[in-house]
Amino acid sequence: MLSYGRDRDWDLGILLLRVGFGFSMLIFHGYGKLIGGPERWAKVGGSLQTFGIDFYPVFWGFMAAFAEVFCSAFIIAGIFFMPATFLLAVNMIVAVLFHLYLPEESSAAGWQGASNAIEYLFVYVALMITGPGKYKIKI
C-alpha cells in the first residue's frame, strides 16, 4: 500500500500545477502577444473598450502580454508569487468578461468562449491561496 507524505505530495502537486499552467499560459497565450509588438498590443488593449477604458490601448495590451509571459515565468520559478498570481487572475477576469460581452454571433462569445479563462482564473486564485510550495527558486 502506498503511503502518502502530505507535505511531499502537496509540494510536488503544487510544483506540477505551477509548471504546467505556467508554461501553458506563457507559450500558448502570452508569447504571441508579447512578440506581436505595438500593433498586437493595441488590439489586445482595445478590448478594454468593452468596459469603458478606451485610453492607452497599447499600454494595456502590453501589460496583458507582460503578465502572461513574465508573471507565468515567476509562477514557474515560484518567485514574486502573490503579485504574479494576482495579476494573472485580474487578467483572466478581464478575459472572462470580454468573452461574456461579445456579440452572440461570435464563436468566442458566452460561457463556452470564456471557459478557458475561467479555468485559468480558478487555478490562479487557488495558487494565490496555497502559495508556491517548497520547490521554488530562493531569492
Protein backbone atom coordinates (compact mmCIF):
# COMPACT_ATOMS: atom_id res chain seq x y z
CA MET A 1 0.00 0.00 0.00
CA LEU A 2 1.30 3.42 -0.89
CA SER A 3 1.90 5.84 1.89
CA TYR A 4 1.44 9.46 1.01
CA GLY A 5 3.50 12.10 2.71
CA ARG A 6 1.17 15.07 2.85
CA ASP A 7 3.90 17.70 2.62
CA ARG A 8 5.91 15.99 -0.11
CA ASP A 9 2.85 15.17 -2.18
CA TRP A 10 1.34 18.63 -1.65
CA ASP A 11 4.50 20.44 -2.68
CA LEU A 12 5.06 18.17 -5.68
CA GLY A 13 1.45 18.70 -6.78
CA ILE A 14 1.77 22.47 -6.49
CA LEU A 15 5.03 22.35 -8.46
CA LEU A 16 3.41 20.35 -11.27
CA LEU A 17 0.45 22.74 -11.33
CA ARG A 18 2.74 25.77 -11.43
CA VAL A 19 4.93 24.39 -14.20
CA GLY A 20 2.06 23.04 -16.31
CA PHE A 21 -0.16 26.09 -16.17
CA GLY A 22 2.77 28.47 -16.21
CA PHE A 23 4.24 27.09 -19.43
CA SER A 24 0.80 26.77 -21.00
CA MET A 25 -0.05 30.43 -20.40
CA LEU A 26 3.42 31.63 -21.35
CA ILE A 27 3.72 29.67 -24.59
CA PHE A 28 0.15 29.42 -25.90
CA HIS A 29 -1.24 32.79 -24.81
CA GLY A 30 1.45 35.28 -23.77
CA TYR A 31 4.38 34.74 -26.13
CA GLY A 32 2.44 35.59 -29.30
CA LYS A 33 1.02 38.71 -27.70
CA LEU A 34 4.41 39.88 -26.49
CA ILE A 35 6.27 39.42 -29.78
CA GLY A 36 3.32 40.87 -31.71
CA GLY A 37 4.55 44.33 -30.78
CA PRO A 38 2.57 47.57 -30.53
CA GLU A 39 0.14 46.61 -33.28
CA ARG A 40 -0.92 43.45 -31.43
CA TRP A 41 -0.84 45.21 -28.06
CA ALA A 42 -3.23 47.88 -29.36
CA LYS A 43 -5.65 45.19 -30.46
CA VAL A 44 -5.47 43.35 -27.14
CA GLY A 45 -5.70 46.58 -25.14
CA GLY A 46 -8.54 47.81 -27.34
CA SER A 47 -10.70 45.02 -25.94
CA LEU A 48 -10.98 47.09 -22.75
CA GLN A 49 -13.36 49.42 -24.59
CA THR A 50 -15.98 46.88 -23.56
CA PHE A 51 -15.53 48.23 -20.03
CA GLY A 52 -15.30 51.90 -20.97
CA ILE A 53 -11.49 52.00 -20.88
CA ASP A 54 -10.54 53.49 -24.22
CA PHE A 55 -7.25 55.22 -23.37
CA TYR A 56 -3.73 53.83 -23.88
CA PRO A 57 -4.71 50.54 -25.57
CA VAL A 58 -1.06 49.81 -26.45
CA PHE A 59 -0.09 50.10 -22.77
CA TRP A 60 -2.93 47.83 -21.59
CA GLY A 61 -2.18 45.29 -24.30
CA PHE A 62 1.49 45.27 -23.35
CA MET A 63 0.56 44.82 -19.68
CA ALA A 64 -1.61 41.80 -20.56
CA ALA A 65 1.24 40.31 -22.60
CA PHE A 66 3.73 41.11 -19.83
CA ALA A 67 1.56 39.39 -17.23
CA GLU A 68 1.03 36.33 -19.39
CA VAL A 69 4.75 35.92 -20.11
CA PHE A 70 6.70 37.25 -17.14
CA CYS A 71 4.21 36.51 -14.38
CA SER A 72 3.92 32.97 -15.77
CA ALA A 73 7.70 32.66 -15.59
CA PHE A 74 7.58 33.93 -11.99
CA ILE A 75 4.94 31.33 -11.15
CA ILE A 76 7.03 28.55 -12.69
CA ALA A 77 10.03 29.69 -10.64
CA GLY A 78 7.93 30.23 -7.51
CA ILE A 79 9.12 33.82 -7.07
CA PHE A 80 7.13 37.06 -6.69
CA PHE A 81 4.28 34.60 -6.34
CA MET A 82 1.47 36.68 -4.84
CA PRO A 83 1.79 39.63 -7.26
CA ALA A 84 2.20 37.27 -10.23
CA THR A 85 -0.86 35.18 -9.44
CA PHE A 86 -2.86 38.31 -8.64
CA LEU A 87 -2.02 40.00 -11.95
CA LEU A 88 -2.84 36.87 -13.91
CA ALA A 89 -6.13 36.42 -12.03
CA VAL A 90 -7.10 40.01 -12.88
CA ASN A 91 -6.08 39.36 -16.49
CA MET A 92 -8.39 36.32 -16.54
CA ILE A 93 -11.29 38.26 -15.04
CA VAL A 94 -10.96 40.74 -17.90
CA ALA A 95 -10.78 37.87 -20.39
CA VAL A 96 -13.91 36.22 -18.94
CA LEU A 97 -15.89 39.45 -19.06
CA PHE A 98 -14.64 40.19 -22.57
CA HIS A 99 -16.00 36.85 -23.81
CA LEU A 100 -19.29 37.32 -21.99
CA TYR A 101 -19.81 40.73 -23.63
CA LEU A 102 -19.04 39.59 -27.17
CA PRO A 103 -21.98 39.59 -29.58
CA GLU A 104 -23.87 36.28 -29.56
CA GLU A 105 -22.98 35.53 -33.17
CA SER A 106 -19.26 35.46 -32.30
CA SER A 107 -17.83 31.95 -31.96
CA ALA A 108 -15.89 33.05 -28.86
CA ALA A 109 -18.94 34.54 -27.10
CA GLY A 110 -20.60 33.41 -23.92
CA TRP A 111 -19.65 30.95 -21.25
CA GLN A 112 -18.24 28.47 -23.74
CA GLY A 113 -15.89 31.11 -25.11
CA ALA A 114 -14.90 32.17 -21.61
CA SER A 115 -14.33 28.64 -20.30
CA ASN A 116 -10.55 28.59 -20.76
CA ALA A 117 -10.16 31.93 -18.96
CA ILE A 118 -12.45 30.70 -16.16
CA GLU A 119 -10.30 27.60 -15.69
CA TYR A 120 -7.12 29.69 -15.51
CA LEU A 121 -8.81 32.12 -13.12
CA PHE A 122 -9.62 29.33 -10.66
CA VAL A 123 -6.08 27.96 -10.88
CA TYR A 124 -4.53 31.37 -10.20
CA VAL A 125 -6.82 32.03 -7.25
CA ALA A 126 -6.07 28.57 -5.85
CA LEU A 127 -2.34 29.19 -6.26
CA MET A 128 -2.71 32.55 -4.51
CA ILE A 129 -4.27 30.70 -1.57
CA THR A 130 -1.81 27.79 -1.43
CA GLY A 131 1.40 29.64 -2.22
CA PRO A 132 4.26 28.25 -4.30
CA GLY A 133 5.12 25.28 -2.07
CA LYS A 134 8.65 24.40 -1.03
CA TYR A 135 10.03 23.66 -4.52
CA LYS A 136 10.93 27.14 -5.70
CA ILE A 137 13.89 29.31 -6.51
CA LYS A 138 15.26 31.01 -3.42
CA ILE A 139 15.97 34.69 -3.90
